[in-house]
N, C-alpha and C. Protein backbone atom coordinates (compact mmCIF):
# COMPACT_ATOMS: atom_id res chain seq x y z
N MET A 1 -75.15 17.41 93.81
CA MET A 1 -73.92 17.88 94.49
C MET A 1 -73.82 18.19 96.00
N ALA A 2 -72.93 17.72 96.63
CA ALA A 2 -72.71 17.63 98.10
C ALA A 2 -72.28 19.27 98.53
N MET A 3 -73.06 19.24 99.83
CA MET A 3 -72.71 20.64 100.37
C MET A 3 -72.06 20.48 101.57
N ASP A 4 -71.39 21.53 101.97
CA ASP A 4 -70.44 21.60 103.14
C ASP A 4 -71.48 21.49 104.49
N GLY A 5 -70.80 21.53 106.00
CA GLY A 5 -71.68 21.27 106.87
C GLY A 5 -72.64 22.54 107.24
N GLN A 6 -72.71 23.90 106.24
CA GLN A 6 -72.99 24.91 106.37
C GLN A 6 -73.88 25.10 105.04
N GLY A 7 -74.33 24.25 104.47
CA GLY A 7 -75.04 24.04 103.42
C GLY A 7 -74.74 24.78 102.11
N GLN A 8 -73.45 25.04 102.19
CA GLN A 8 -73.00 25.84 100.91
C GLN A 8 -72.23 24.91 100.05
N VAL A 9 -72.37 25.17 98.53
CA VAL A 9 -71.58 24.22 97.50
C VAL A 9 -70.18 24.49 97.73
N PRO A 10 -69.30 23.82 97.80
CA PRO A 10 -67.71 24.23 97.94
C PRO A 10 -67.26 24.53 96.43
N ARG A 11 -66.29 25.54 96.69
CA ARG A 11 -66.04 25.98 95.23
C ARG A 11 -64.98 25.30 94.66
N LEU A 12 -64.55 25.20 93.44
CA LEU A 12 -63.78 24.31 92.80
C LEU A 12 -62.33 25.35 92.60
N ARG A 13 -61.20 24.91 92.99
CA ARG A 13 -60.30 25.61 92.85
C ARG A 13 -59.42 25.49 91.67
N LYS A 14 -59.06 26.79 91.06
CA LYS A 14 -58.11 26.66 90.11
C LYS A 14 -56.87 26.10 90.26
N PRO A 15 -56.53 25.34 89.28
CA PRO A 15 -55.05 24.83 89.19
C PRO A 15 -54.07 25.81 89.55
N SER A 16 -53.18 25.21 90.53
CA SER A 16 -51.96 26.53 90.71
C SER A 16 -51.04 25.92 89.91
N TRP A 17 -50.01 26.83 89.21
CA TRP A 17 -48.67 26.44 88.67
C TRP A 17 -47.93 25.46 89.37
N LYS A 18 -48.06 25.79 90.78
CA LYS A 18 -47.45 24.95 91.61
C LYS A 18 -47.61 23.48 91.83
N ASP A 19 -48.88 23.11 91.27
CA ASP A 19 -49.47 21.88 91.45
C ASP A 19 -48.73 20.98 90.57
N PRO A 20 -47.82 19.69 91.17
CA PRO A 20 -46.94 19.28 90.41
C PRO A 20 -47.80 18.12 89.30
N ARG A 21 -49.10 17.80 89.64
CA ARG A 21 -49.54 17.27 88.49
C ARG A 21 -49.65 18.17 87.05
N LEU A 22 -50.03 18.96 87.29
CA LEU A 22 -49.85 19.91 86.30
C LEU A 22 -48.57 20.40 85.29
N LEU A 23 -47.50 20.38 86.00
CA LEU A 23 -46.41 20.54 85.80
C LEU A 23 -46.01 19.17 84.82
N ILE A 24 -46.39 18.05 85.48
CA ILE A 24 -46.01 16.64 84.89
C ILE A 24 -46.54 16.68 83.47
N GLY A 25 -47.75 17.13 83.51
CA GLY A 25 -48.60 17.04 82.36
C GLY A 25 -48.23 17.97 81.27
N ILE A 26 -47.44 19.43 81.65
CA ILE A 26 -46.82 19.95 80.68
C ILE A 26 -45.76 19.40 80.13
N LEU A 27 -44.74 18.76 81.00
CA LEU A 27 -43.67 18.42 80.55
C LEU A 27 -43.97 17.02 79.55
N LEU A 28 -44.88 16.29 79.76
CA LEU A 28 -45.42 15.26 79.05
C LEU A 28 -45.61 15.78 77.43
N ILE A 29 -46.53 16.73 77.51
CA ILE A 29 -46.91 17.36 76.15
C ILE A 29 -45.43 18.00 75.37
N LEU A 30 -44.69 18.40 76.28
CA LEU A 30 -43.63 19.16 75.59
C LEU A 30 -42.42 18.17 75.08
N ALA A 31 -42.57 16.74 75.94
CA ALA A 31 -41.51 15.63 75.19
C ALA A 31 -42.13 15.27 73.93
N SER A 32 -43.63 15.10 74.08
CA SER A 32 -44.29 14.42 72.94
C SER A 32 -44.17 15.50 71.89
N VAL A 33 -44.00 16.64 71.70
CA VAL A 33 -44.06 17.70 70.75
C VAL A 33 -42.56 17.50 70.17
N ALA A 34 -41.32 17.40 70.97
CA ALA A 34 -40.30 17.26 70.80
C ALA A 34 -40.03 16.08 69.75
N GLY A 35 -40.50 14.69 70.57
CA GLY A 35 -40.54 13.74 69.70
C GLY A 35 -40.79 13.80 68.02
N VAL A 36 -41.94 14.20 68.09
CA VAL A 36 -42.45 14.52 66.73
C VAL A 36 -41.72 15.10 66.00
N VAL A 37 -41.33 16.36 66.51
CA VAL A 37 -40.10 17.24 65.31
C VAL A 37 -39.17 16.50 65.12
N ALA A 38 -38.47 15.81 66.03
CA ALA A 38 -37.48 15.06 65.83
C ALA A 38 -37.42 14.12 64.93
N LEU A 39 -38.56 13.37 64.94
CA LEU A 39 -39.14 12.21 63.90
C LEU A 39 -39.07 12.77 62.56
N VAL A 40 -39.96 14.05 62.21
CA VAL A 40 -40.14 14.97 61.22
C VAL A 40 -38.70 15.18 60.42
N GLY A 41 -37.66 15.66 61.46
CA GLY A 41 -36.67 16.10 60.87
C GLY A 41 -35.85 15.24 60.52
N ASN A 42 -35.60 14.18 61.16
CA ASN A 42 -34.89 13.06 60.66
C ASN A 42 -35.49 12.28 59.47
N ALA A 43 -36.87 12.29 59.24
CA ALA A 43 -37.32 11.56 58.06
C ALA A 43 -36.93 12.50 56.65
N GLY A 44 -36.80 13.55 56.86
CA GLY A 44 -36.19 14.64 55.79
C GLY A 44 -34.92 14.68 55.76
N LYS A 45 -34.22 14.18 56.68
CA LYS A 45 -32.52 14.19 56.35
C LYS A 45 -32.08 13.44 55.41
N THR A 46 -31.12 14.19 54.62
CA THR A 46 -30.31 13.23 53.49
C THR A 46 -28.94 13.20 53.90
N VAL A 47 -28.51 12.06 53.35
CA VAL A 47 -27.08 11.90 53.53
C VAL A 47 -26.15 11.66 52.27
N PRO A 48 -24.99 11.99 51.74
CA PRO A 48 -24.28 11.63 50.62
C PRO A 48 -24.01 10.20 50.67
N MET A 49 -24.40 9.72 49.57
CA MET A 49 -23.96 8.14 49.39
C MET A 49 -23.53 8.19 48.02
N TYR A 50 -22.59 6.77 47.75
CA TYR A 50 -21.88 6.59 46.35
C TYR A 50 -22.97 5.75 45.66
N VAL A 51 -23.16 6.08 44.23
CA VAL A 51 -23.66 5.03 43.26
C VAL A 51 -22.61 4.89 42.19
N ALA A 52 -22.84 3.54 41.62
CA ALA A 52 -21.96 3.10 40.46
C ALA A 52 -22.06 3.87 39.41
N ARG A 53 -20.74 4.68 39.09
CA ARG A 53 -21.02 5.30 37.88
C ARG A 53 -21.24 4.62 36.22
N ASP A 54 -20.61 3.20 36.35
CA ASP A 54 -21.02 2.27 35.45
C ASP A 54 -21.25 1.05 36.30
N ALA A 55 -21.65 -0.12 35.43
CA ALA A 55 -21.76 -1.37 36.47
C ALA A 55 -20.68 -1.78 36.82
N LEU A 56 -20.60 -2.09 38.00
CA LEU A 56 -19.29 -2.69 38.56
C LEU A 56 -19.36 -4.13 38.62
N VAL A 57 -18.53 -4.86 38.05
CA VAL A 57 -18.36 -5.93 37.78
C VAL A 57 -17.32 -7.05 38.87
N VAL A 58 -17.59 -8.24 39.19
CA VAL A 58 -16.84 -8.85 40.30
C VAL A 58 -15.17 -9.10 39.49
N GLY A 59 -14.51 -8.62 40.46
CA GLY A 59 -12.97 -8.62 40.29
C GLY A 59 -12.55 -7.08 39.76
N GLN A 60 -13.54 -6.32 39.22
CA GLN A 60 -12.86 -4.83 39.07
C GLN A 60 -12.32 -4.19 39.92
N LYS A 61 -11.17 -3.24 39.47
CA LYS A 61 -10.65 -2.41 40.78
C LYS A 61 -11.29 -1.48 41.04
N ILE A 62 -11.55 -1.25 42.29
CA ILE A 62 -12.53 0.14 42.70
C ILE A 62 -11.48 1.14 43.21
N THR A 63 -12.05 2.50 42.80
CA THR A 63 -11.55 3.74 43.11
C THR A 63 -12.61 4.58 43.31
N VAL A 64 -12.14 6.07 43.96
CA VAL A 64 -13.35 6.71 44.07
C VAL A 64 -14.01 6.95 42.77
N GLU A 65 -13.26 7.22 41.93
CA GLU A 65 -13.72 7.41 40.32
C GLU A 65 -14.55 6.56 39.90
N SER A 66 -14.79 5.35 40.58
CA SER A 66 -15.98 4.31 40.00
C SER A 66 -17.23 4.74 40.50
N PHE A 67 -17.33 5.88 41.38
CA PHE A 67 -18.56 6.30 41.60
C PHE A 67 -18.95 7.56 41.56
N THR A 68 -20.20 8.07 41.81
CA THR A 68 -20.55 9.27 41.80
C THR A 68 -21.48 9.50 43.20
N LEU A 69 -21.54 10.73 43.38
CA LEU A 69 -22.44 11.25 44.87
C LEU A 69 -23.82 11.55 44.44
N ILE A 70 -24.51 11.22 45.20
CA ILE A 70 -26.00 11.86 45.45
C ILE A 70 -26.38 11.67 46.73
N GLU A 71 -27.52 12.81 47.01
CA GLU A 71 -27.81 12.99 48.38
C GLU A 71 -29.22 12.05 48.32
N VAL A 72 -29.40 11.12 49.25
CA VAL A 72 -30.55 10.33 49.51
C VAL A 72 -31.14 10.18 50.88
N GLN A 73 -32.22 9.88 51.07
CA GLN A 73 -32.87 9.49 52.60
C GLN A 73 -32.67 8.22 52.90
N LEU A 74 -31.80 7.68 53.81
CA LEU A 74 -32.09 6.18 53.82
C LEU A 74 -32.03 5.98 55.49
N GLY A 75 -32.34 6.56 56.35
CA GLY A 75 -32.31 6.70 57.69
C GLY A 75 -31.36 5.67 58.37
N GLU A 76 -31.73 4.78 59.00
CA GLU A 76 -30.88 3.75 59.96
C GLU A 76 -30.41 2.73 58.62
N ALA A 77 -31.10 2.75 57.43
CA ALA A 77 -30.24 1.60 56.71
C ALA A 77 -28.86 2.35 56.16
N SER A 78 -28.60 3.54 56.18
CA SER A 78 -27.40 4.10 55.59
C SER A 78 -26.21 3.10 56.01
N ASP A 79 -25.98 2.49 57.31
CA ASP A 79 -25.03 1.65 57.67
C ASP A 79 -24.89 0.66 56.63
N LYS A 80 -25.84 -0.08 55.77
CA LYS A 80 -25.38 -0.72 54.85
C LYS A 80 -25.07 -0.59 53.76
N TYR A 81 -24.53 0.71 53.40
CA TYR A 81 -24.04 1.44 52.09
C TYR A 81 -22.58 1.83 52.26
N LEU A 82 -21.71 1.97 51.50
CA LEU A 82 -20.50 2.34 51.18
C LEU A 82 -20.69 3.99 51.94
N ASP A 83 -19.94 4.14 52.81
CA ASP A 83 -19.76 5.88 53.40
C ASP A 83 -18.86 6.54 52.67
N PRO A 84 -19.16 7.52 52.02
CA PRO A 84 -18.16 8.13 51.19
C PRO A 84 -17.01 8.96 52.25
N GLY A 85 -17.53 8.84 53.60
CA GLY A 85 -16.21 9.50 54.61
C GLY A 85 -15.42 8.62 54.78
N GLU A 86 -15.42 7.52 54.29
CA GLU A 86 -14.26 6.51 54.63
C GLU A 86 -13.41 6.09 53.48
N ALA A 87 -12.37 5.86 53.65
CA ALA A 87 -11.35 5.61 52.58
C ALA A 87 -11.29 4.25 52.34
N LEU A 88 -11.28 4.28 51.01
CA LEU A 88 -11.07 2.78 50.33
C LEU A 88 -10.06 2.33 50.47
N ALA A 89 -9.73 0.90 50.40
CA ALA A 89 -8.56 0.19 50.68
C ALA A 89 -7.78 0.39 49.00
N LYS A 90 -6.39 0.16 49.09
CA LYS A 90 -5.53 0.64 47.76
C LYS A 90 -5.99 -0.29 46.99
N ASN A 91 -6.41 -1.70 47.65
CA ASN A 91 -6.54 -3.11 46.66
C ASN A 91 -7.98 -3.41 46.60
N ALA A 92 -8.80 -2.67 46.74
CA ALA A 92 -10.28 -2.50 46.73
C ALA A 92 -10.70 -3.26 45.41
N VAL A 93 -11.47 -4.27 45.53
CA VAL A 93 -12.21 -4.67 44.10
C VAL A 93 -13.75 -4.81 44.32
N ALA A 94 -14.50 -4.97 43.63
CA ALA A 94 -15.94 -5.41 43.47
C ALA A 94 -16.03 -7.21 43.67
N VAL A 95 -16.63 -7.38 44.91
CA VAL A 95 -16.64 -8.94 45.17
C VAL A 95 -18.27 -9.18 44.61
N ARG A 96 -19.22 -8.06 44.49
CA ARG A 96 -20.60 -8.61 43.83
C ARG A 96 -20.80 -7.24 42.94
N MET A 97 -21.67 -8.04 41.95
CA MET A 97 -22.11 -6.91 40.71
C MET A 97 -23.08 -5.77 41.52
N VAL A 98 -22.68 -4.63 40.82
CA VAL A 98 -23.54 -3.53 41.22
C VAL A 98 -24.08 -2.57 40.00
N PRO A 99 -25.28 -2.79 39.84
CA PRO A 99 -25.52 -2.15 38.47
C PRO A 99 -25.27 -0.48 38.41
N LYS A 100 -25.10 0.05 37.20
CA LYS A 100 -25.14 1.53 37.06
C LYS A 100 -26.17 2.21 37.62
N GLY A 101 -25.77 3.21 38.39
CA GLY A 101 -26.76 4.09 39.16
C GLY A 101 -27.23 3.76 40.29
N GLU A 102 -26.98 2.59 40.90
CA GLU A 102 -27.54 1.95 42.17
C GLU A 102 -26.40 2.34 43.26
N ILE A 103 -27.11 2.47 44.53
CA ILE A 103 -26.28 2.73 45.80
C ILE A 103 -25.30 1.50 45.99
N VAL A 104 -24.03 1.79 46.30
CA VAL A 104 -22.93 0.95 46.54
C VAL A 104 -23.34 0.18 48.04
N PRO A 105 -23.62 -1.13 48.00
CA PRO A 105 -23.63 -1.93 49.25
C PRO A 105 -22.14 -2.03 49.85
N ARG A 106 -21.79 -2.00 51.47
CA ARG A 106 -20.45 -2.32 51.67
C ARG A 106 -20.28 -3.65 51.32
N SER A 107 -21.18 -4.59 51.27
CA SER A 107 -20.85 -6.21 50.92
C SER A 107 -20.49 -6.24 49.63
N SER A 108 -20.47 -5.37 48.64
CA SER A 108 -20.03 -5.16 47.46
C SER A 108 -18.53 -5.04 47.07
N ILE A 109 -17.92 -4.43 48.23
CA ILE A 109 -16.70 -4.20 47.95
C ILE A 109 -15.74 -4.76 49.00
N GLY A 110 -14.77 -5.32 48.35
CA GLY A 110 -13.75 -5.99 49.39
C GLY A 110 -12.60 -6.05 48.81
N ARG A 111 -11.62 -6.96 49.18
CA ARG A 111 -10.16 -7.21 48.70
C ARG A 111 -10.10 -8.43 47.73
N THR A 112 -9.09 -8.47 47.04
CA THR A 112 -9.02 -9.47 45.97
C THR A 112 -8.90 -10.89 46.85
N ASP A 113 -8.48 -10.81 48.02
CA ASP A 113 -8.66 -12.35 48.34
C ASP A 113 -9.93 -12.80 49.10
N ALA A 114 -11.02 -11.72 49.08
CA ALA A 114 -12.34 -12.03 49.42
C ALA A 114 -13.11 -12.66 48.42
N LEU A 115 -12.58 -12.70 46.84
CA LEU A 115 -13.03 -12.96 46.10
C LEU A 115 -13.70 -14.49 46.02
N ASP A 116 -14.57 -14.85 45.71
CA ASP A 116 -15.13 -16.43 45.70
C ASP A 116 -15.25 -17.13 44.37
N ARG A 117 -15.37 -15.72 43.41
CA ARG A 117 -15.63 -16.31 41.86
C ARG A 117 -14.53 -15.53 41.01
N LYS A 118 -13.86 -15.86 40.15
CA LYS A 118 -13.31 -15.22 38.94
C LYS A 118 -13.71 -15.08 37.66
N PRO A 119 -13.44 -13.92 36.93
CA PRO A 119 -13.89 -13.76 35.66
C PRO A 119 -13.17 -14.76 34.62
N VAL A 120 -13.53 -15.73 33.87
CA VAL A 120 -13.03 -16.37 32.65
C VAL A 120 -13.67 -16.00 31.34
N SER A 121 -12.85 -15.93 30.46
CA SER A 121 -13.44 -15.78 29.15
C SER A 121 -14.00 -16.78 28.38
N VAL A 122 -15.01 -16.45 27.80
CA VAL A 122 -15.76 -17.52 27.38
C VAL A 122 -16.12 -17.09 25.68
N THR A 123 -15.85 -17.84 24.65
CA THR A 123 -16.15 -17.46 23.41
C THR A 123 -17.23 -18.21 22.84
N VAL A 124 -18.42 -17.51 22.33
CA VAL A 124 -19.58 -18.23 21.76
C VAL A 124 -19.72 -17.93 20.32
N GLU A 125 -20.05 -18.97 19.64
CA GLU A 125 -20.07 -18.67 18.18
C GLU A 125 -21.61 -18.79 17.62
N GLU A 126 -22.45 -18.43 18.45
CA GLU A 126 -23.85 -18.90 18.12
C GLU A 126 -24.41 -17.43 18.67
N PRO A 127 -25.59 -16.80 18.22
CA PRO A 127 -26.39 -15.52 18.72
C PRO A 127 -26.68 -15.88 20.17
N LEU A 128 -26.74 -14.91 20.78
CA LEU A 128 -27.01 -15.12 22.63
C LEU A 128 -28.52 -14.43 22.41
N PRO A 129 -29.48 -14.84 23.50
CA PRO A 129 -30.91 -14.04 23.78
C PRO A 129 -30.35 -12.75 24.46
N LYS A 130 -31.24 -11.84 24.04
CA LYS A 130 -31.17 -10.50 24.25
C LYS A 130 -31.00 -10.31 25.93
N GLU A 131 -31.29 -11.45 26.51
CA GLU A 131 -31.37 -11.14 27.93
C GLU A 131 -30.22 -11.55 28.80
N VAL A 132 -29.38 -11.72 28.03
CA VAL A 132 -27.91 -12.25 28.28
C VAL A 132 -27.20 -10.97 28.33
N LEU A 133 -27.06 -10.42 29.45
CA LEU A 133 -26.58 -8.92 29.98
C LEU A 133 -25.75 -9.12 31.05
N VAL A 134 -24.76 -8.33 31.24
CA VAL A 134 -23.98 -7.99 32.56
C VAL A 134 -24.92 -8.26 33.90
N GLY A 135 -24.49 -9.07 34.76
CA GLY A 135 -25.47 -9.37 35.86
C GLY A 135 -26.29 -10.55 35.54
N SER A 136 -26.47 -10.82 34.55
CA SER A 136 -27.48 -12.01 34.16
C SER A 136 -26.79 -13.44 34.34
N HIS A 137 -27.35 -14.44 34.46
CA HIS A 137 -26.87 -15.82 34.83
C HIS A 137 -27.21 -16.70 33.46
N VAL A 138 -26.07 -17.62 33.27
CA VAL A 138 -26.42 -18.37 32.10
C VAL A 138 -25.69 -19.96 32.58
N ASP A 139 -26.17 -20.75 31.90
CA ASP A 139 -25.74 -22.32 31.92
C ASP A 139 -24.67 -22.17 30.81
N VAL A 140 -23.60 -22.86 30.83
CA VAL A 140 -22.58 -22.83 30.23
C VAL A 140 -22.38 -24.21 30.04
N TRP A 141 -22.42 -24.61 28.59
CA TRP A 141 -22.43 -26.17 28.09
C TRP A 141 -21.39 -26.37 27.36
N VAL A 142 -20.40 -27.59 27.60
CA VAL A 142 -19.25 -27.57 26.94
C VAL A 142 -19.08 -28.95 25.98
N SER A 143 -18.77 -28.98 25.10
CA SER A 143 -18.91 -30.18 23.99
C SER A 143 -17.38 -30.44 23.63
N LEU A 144 -16.71 -31.42 24.05
CA LEU A 144 -15.32 -31.71 23.78
C LEU A 144 -15.18 -32.47 22.32
N PRO A 145 -13.89 -32.41 21.39
CA PRO A 145 -13.80 -32.68 20.70
C PRO A 145 -13.79 -34.44 20.71
N ASP A 146 -14.25 -35.29 19.46
CA ASP A 146 -14.20 -36.57 19.69
C ASP A 146 -13.16 -37.22 18.42
N GLU A 147 -12.89 -38.33 18.55
CA GLU A 147 -11.93 -38.85 17.64
C GLU A 147 -12.31 -38.85 16.24
N ARG A 148 -13.62 -38.38 15.83
CA ARG A 148 -13.89 -38.31 14.49
C ARG A 148 -13.97 -36.84 13.84
N ASN A 149 -13.46 -35.76 14.47
CA ASN A 149 -13.32 -34.54 14.05
C ASN A 149 -14.69 -33.89 14.45
N GLY A 150 -15.24 -34.41 15.24
CA GLY A 150 -16.65 -34.06 15.72
C GLY A 150 -16.72 -33.38 17.17
N PHE A 151 -17.94 -33.69 17.50
CA PHE A 151 -18.00 -33.37 19.33
C PHE A 151 -18.84 -34.15 19.93
N LYS A 152 -18.19 -34.46 21.05
CA LYS A 152 -19.12 -35.46 21.91
C LYS A 152 -20.47 -34.72 22.72
N SER A 153 -21.01 -35.33 23.23
CA SER A 153 -22.45 -34.54 23.71
C SER A 153 -22.25 -33.61 24.77
N PRO A 154 -22.94 -32.47 24.50
CA PRO A 154 -22.67 -31.34 25.55
C PRO A 154 -23.22 -31.66 26.85
N VAL A 155 -22.12 -31.25 27.87
CA VAL A 155 -22.28 -31.22 29.26
C VAL A 155 -22.31 -30.17 30.00
N LEU A 156 -23.48 -29.92 30.84
CA LEU A 156 -23.52 -28.68 31.86
C LEU A 156 -22.23 -28.50 32.63
N MET A 157 -21.51 -27.70 32.16
CA MET A 157 -20.18 -27.48 33.16
C MET A 157 -20.42 -26.14 34.15
N LEU A 158 -20.90 -25.28 33.84
CA LEU A 158 -20.87 -24.00 34.73
C LEU A 158 -22.47 -23.76 34.87
N PRO A 159 -23.04 -24.29 35.84
CA PRO A 159 -24.70 -23.93 35.72
C PRO A 159 -24.85 -22.69 36.75
N GLY A 160 -25.78 -21.57 35.97
CA GLY A 160 -25.92 -20.74 36.83
C GLY A 160 -24.76 -19.65 36.74
N ALA A 161 -23.92 -19.61 36.04
CA ALA A 161 -22.96 -18.77 36.18
C ALA A 161 -23.13 -17.09 35.93
N GLU A 162 -22.75 -16.29 36.55
CA GLU A 162 -23.21 -14.84 36.41
C GLU A 162 -22.03 -14.31 35.61
N VAL A 163 -22.63 -13.55 34.69
CA VAL A 163 -21.99 -12.94 33.15
C VAL A 163 -21.55 -11.48 33.77
N ALA A 164 -20.23 -11.27 33.71
CA ALA A 164 -19.38 -9.87 34.18
C ALA A 164 -19.28 -9.02 32.97
N ALA A 165 -19.14 -9.65 31.76
CA ALA A 165 -18.83 -8.76 30.95
C ALA A 165 -19.50 -9.32 29.43
N VAL A 166 -19.72 -8.74 28.34
CA VAL A 166 -20.07 -9.07 27.13
C VAL A 166 -19.61 -8.34 26.01
N ASN A 167 -18.68 -8.82 25.16
CA ASN A 167 -18.24 -7.86 24.07
C ASN A 167 -18.39 -9.03 22.71
N ALA A 168 -18.97 -8.16 21.90
CA ALA A 168 -19.11 -8.87 20.74
C ALA A 168 -18.04 -8.58 19.69
N ALA A 169 -17.40 -9.58 19.07
CA ALA A 169 -16.09 -9.51 18.19
C ALA A 169 -16.77 -9.47 16.77
N ALA A 170 -15.89 -8.81 15.95
CA ALA A 170 -16.34 -8.66 14.72
C ALA A 170 -15.41 -9.51 13.68
N SER A 171 -16.15 -9.77 12.65
CA SER A 171 -15.18 -10.58 11.83
C SER A 171 -14.24 -9.20 10.74
N SER A 172 -13.59 -9.77 9.80
CA SER A 172 -12.89 -9.03 8.79
C SER A 172 -13.60 -8.10 7.99
N LEU A 173 -14.91 -8.28 7.79
CA LEU A 173 -15.78 -7.67 7.29
C LEU A 173 -16.60 -6.72 7.83
N GLY A 174 -16.33 -6.88 9.07
CA GLY A 174 -17.09 -5.72 10.03
C GLY A 174 -18.44 -6.36 10.65
N SER A 175 -19.06 -7.47 10.40
CA SER A 175 -20.26 -8.18 10.35
C SER A 175 -19.65 -8.76 11.84
N SER A 176 -20.76 -8.53 12.93
CA SER A 176 -20.70 -9.66 14.13
C SER A 176 -20.50 -11.28 13.95
N ARG A 177 -19.58 -11.83 14.39
CA ARG A 177 -19.14 -13.21 14.14
C ARG A 177 -19.37 -13.98 15.43
N ASN A 178 -18.80 -13.33 16.60
CA ASN A 178 -19.13 -14.26 17.86
C ASN A 178 -19.16 -13.25 18.95
N VAL A 179 -19.26 -13.71 20.07
CA VAL A 179 -19.53 -13.11 21.35
C VAL A 179 -18.53 -13.77 22.29
N GLN A 180 -18.06 -12.55 23.04
CA GLN A 180 -16.82 -13.20 24.11
C GLN A 180 -17.61 -12.53 25.41
N LEU A 181 -17.68 -13.44 26.38
CA LEU A 181 -18.29 -13.39 27.59
C LEU A 181 -17.28 -13.70 28.62
N MET A 182 -17.48 -12.88 29.90
CA MET A 182 -16.57 -13.14 30.93
C MET A 182 -17.48 -13.58 31.79
N VAL A 183 -17.39 -14.87 32.48
CA VAL A 183 -18.19 -15.33 33.32
C VAL A 183 -17.60 -15.79 34.69
N LEU A 184 -18.30 -15.72 35.64
CA LEU A 184 -17.65 -15.87 37.11
C LEU A 184 -17.55 -17.32 37.44
N VAL A 185 -16.46 -17.93 37.47
CA VAL A 185 -16.24 -19.23 38.00
C VAL A 185 -15.71 -19.30 39.33
N THR A 186 -16.26 -20.41 40.14
CA THR A 186 -15.19 -20.71 41.24
C THR A 186 -14.01 -21.55 41.17
N ASP A 187 -13.25 -21.35 42.30
CA ASP A 187 -11.94 -22.24 42.11
C ASP A 187 -12.30 -23.45 41.76
N GLU A 188 -13.53 -24.10 42.58
CA GLU A 188 -13.59 -25.59 42.00
C GLU A 188 -14.06 -25.67 40.89
N GLN A 189 -14.47 -25.28 40.05
CA GLN A 189 -14.93 -25.34 38.75
C GLN A 189 -13.75 -24.88 37.65
N MET A 190 -13.02 -24.27 38.11
CA MET A 190 -11.76 -23.59 37.10
C MET A 190 -11.01 -24.66 36.56
N PRO A 191 -10.37 -25.69 37.09
CA PRO A 191 -9.44 -26.81 36.62
C PRO A 191 -10.32 -27.29 35.12
N LYS A 192 -11.54 -27.95 35.95
CA LYS A 192 -12.10 -28.66 34.67
C LYS A 192 -12.64 -27.99 33.36
N PHE A 193 -13.04 -26.50 33.81
CA PHE A 193 -13.42 -25.75 32.55
C PHE A 193 -12.39 -25.41 31.94
N LEU A 194 -11.16 -24.75 32.65
CA LEU A 194 -9.96 -24.31 31.53
C LEU A 194 -9.32 -25.40 31.21
N GLY A 195 -9.43 -26.55 31.54
CA GLY A 195 -9.06 -27.77 30.45
C GLY A 195 -10.06 -28.01 29.40
N ALA A 196 -11.31 -28.06 29.59
CA ALA A 196 -11.97 -28.25 28.27
C ALA A 196 -11.75 -27.01 27.37
N VAL A 197 -11.38 -25.65 27.73
CA VAL A 197 -11.21 -24.86 26.77
C VAL A 197 -10.01 -24.84 26.29
N ALA A 198 -8.98 -25.72 27.06
CA ALA A 198 -7.58 -25.75 26.37
C ALA A 198 -7.82 -26.62 25.16
N ASN A 199 -8.54 -27.79 25.44
CA ASN A 199 -8.72 -28.77 24.43
C ASN A 199 -9.64 -28.40 23.22
N LYS A 200 -10.08 -27.12 22.91
CA LYS A 200 -10.72 -26.48 22.16
C LYS A 200 -12.37 -27.09 21.94
N ALA A 201 -12.59 -27.07 23.24
CA ALA A 201 -14.25 -27.50 23.17
C ALA A 201 -14.92 -26.66 22.76
N LYS A 202 -16.14 -26.95 22.37
CA LYS A 202 -17.27 -25.93 21.71
C LYS A 202 -17.94 -25.56 22.90
N VAL A 203 -18.32 -24.28 23.41
CA VAL A 203 -18.98 -23.62 24.32
C VAL A 203 -20.31 -23.17 23.81
N SER A 204 -21.38 -23.52 24.40
CA SER A 204 -22.71 -22.98 24.17
C SER A 204 -23.29 -22.43 25.56
N VAL A 205 -23.88 -21.15 25.39
CA VAL A 205 -24.68 -20.63 26.77
C VAL A 205 -25.77 -20.52 26.73
N VAL A 206 -26.77 -20.69 27.69
CA VAL A 206 -28.10 -20.89 27.53
C VAL A 206 -28.56 -19.77 28.73
N TRP A 207 -29.46 -18.73 28.65
CA TRP A 207 -30.02 -17.92 29.75
C TRP A 207 -30.74 -18.67 30.46
N ASN A 208 -30.34 -18.53 32.09
CA ASN A 208 -30.78 -19.35 33.23
C ASN A 208 -31.45 -18.12 34.01
N PRO A 209 -32.84 -17.74 33.78
CA PRO A 209 -33.33 -16.49 34.81
C PRO A 209 -33.54 -17.22 36.34
N GLY A 210 -33.57 -18.42 36.51
CA GLY A 210 -33.92 -19.00 37.77
C GLY A 210 -32.56 -19.08 38.46
N ALA A 211 -31.35 -18.94 37.92
CA ALA A 211 -30.30 -18.63 38.81
C ALA A 211 -30.30 -17.69 39.55
N ALA A 212 -30.82 -16.39 39.08
CA ALA A 212 -30.52 -14.99 39.87
C ALA A 212 -31.12 -15.40 41.12
N PRO A 213 -30.07 -14.83 42.22
CA PRO A 213 -30.42 -14.59 43.62
C PRO A 213 -31.62 -13.89 43.93
């Protein structure tokens, strides 16, 4: 250790509270602690959010009665979902399907003029796969009547159509006879499909799991 000119070892000075380096260090520590506290506090913060009371299907009129409220932790992702503090438009409809019990995305609720697909009724006389439920996707095949009281070869008219509703119709004896589906059809597909239905075409539905987004 170096000595001074008189042969004595210099004493180490205790840091003073007025030392700017000490003050800067304390401020940095306090800022770090405050940041951690804020991060932990925000991580545990819950906010009220809408969830679908029942499955919301495309074209369905939407009111506050369509939802229930839950407290969830979403953080910055909360902006992607419908805010219960914001008023719903009077003509609000579902433009995307939302399963029962799921948080409602903003993009799933819009106005009637925002609908790019519309629900159309399809009656199917054959049993459907158990996987054909609301929100699933199906290929709709159509066989037009021929001149011999039969049907022409089936044609795929609605590939990957989303199912908006499923209703079983009963015969006079109470047994299930056919199934009525509501499938979502684009404006471009609509004229041809409605024309086939009007001409008493036979409709067949095939589950298409690969069409799901």
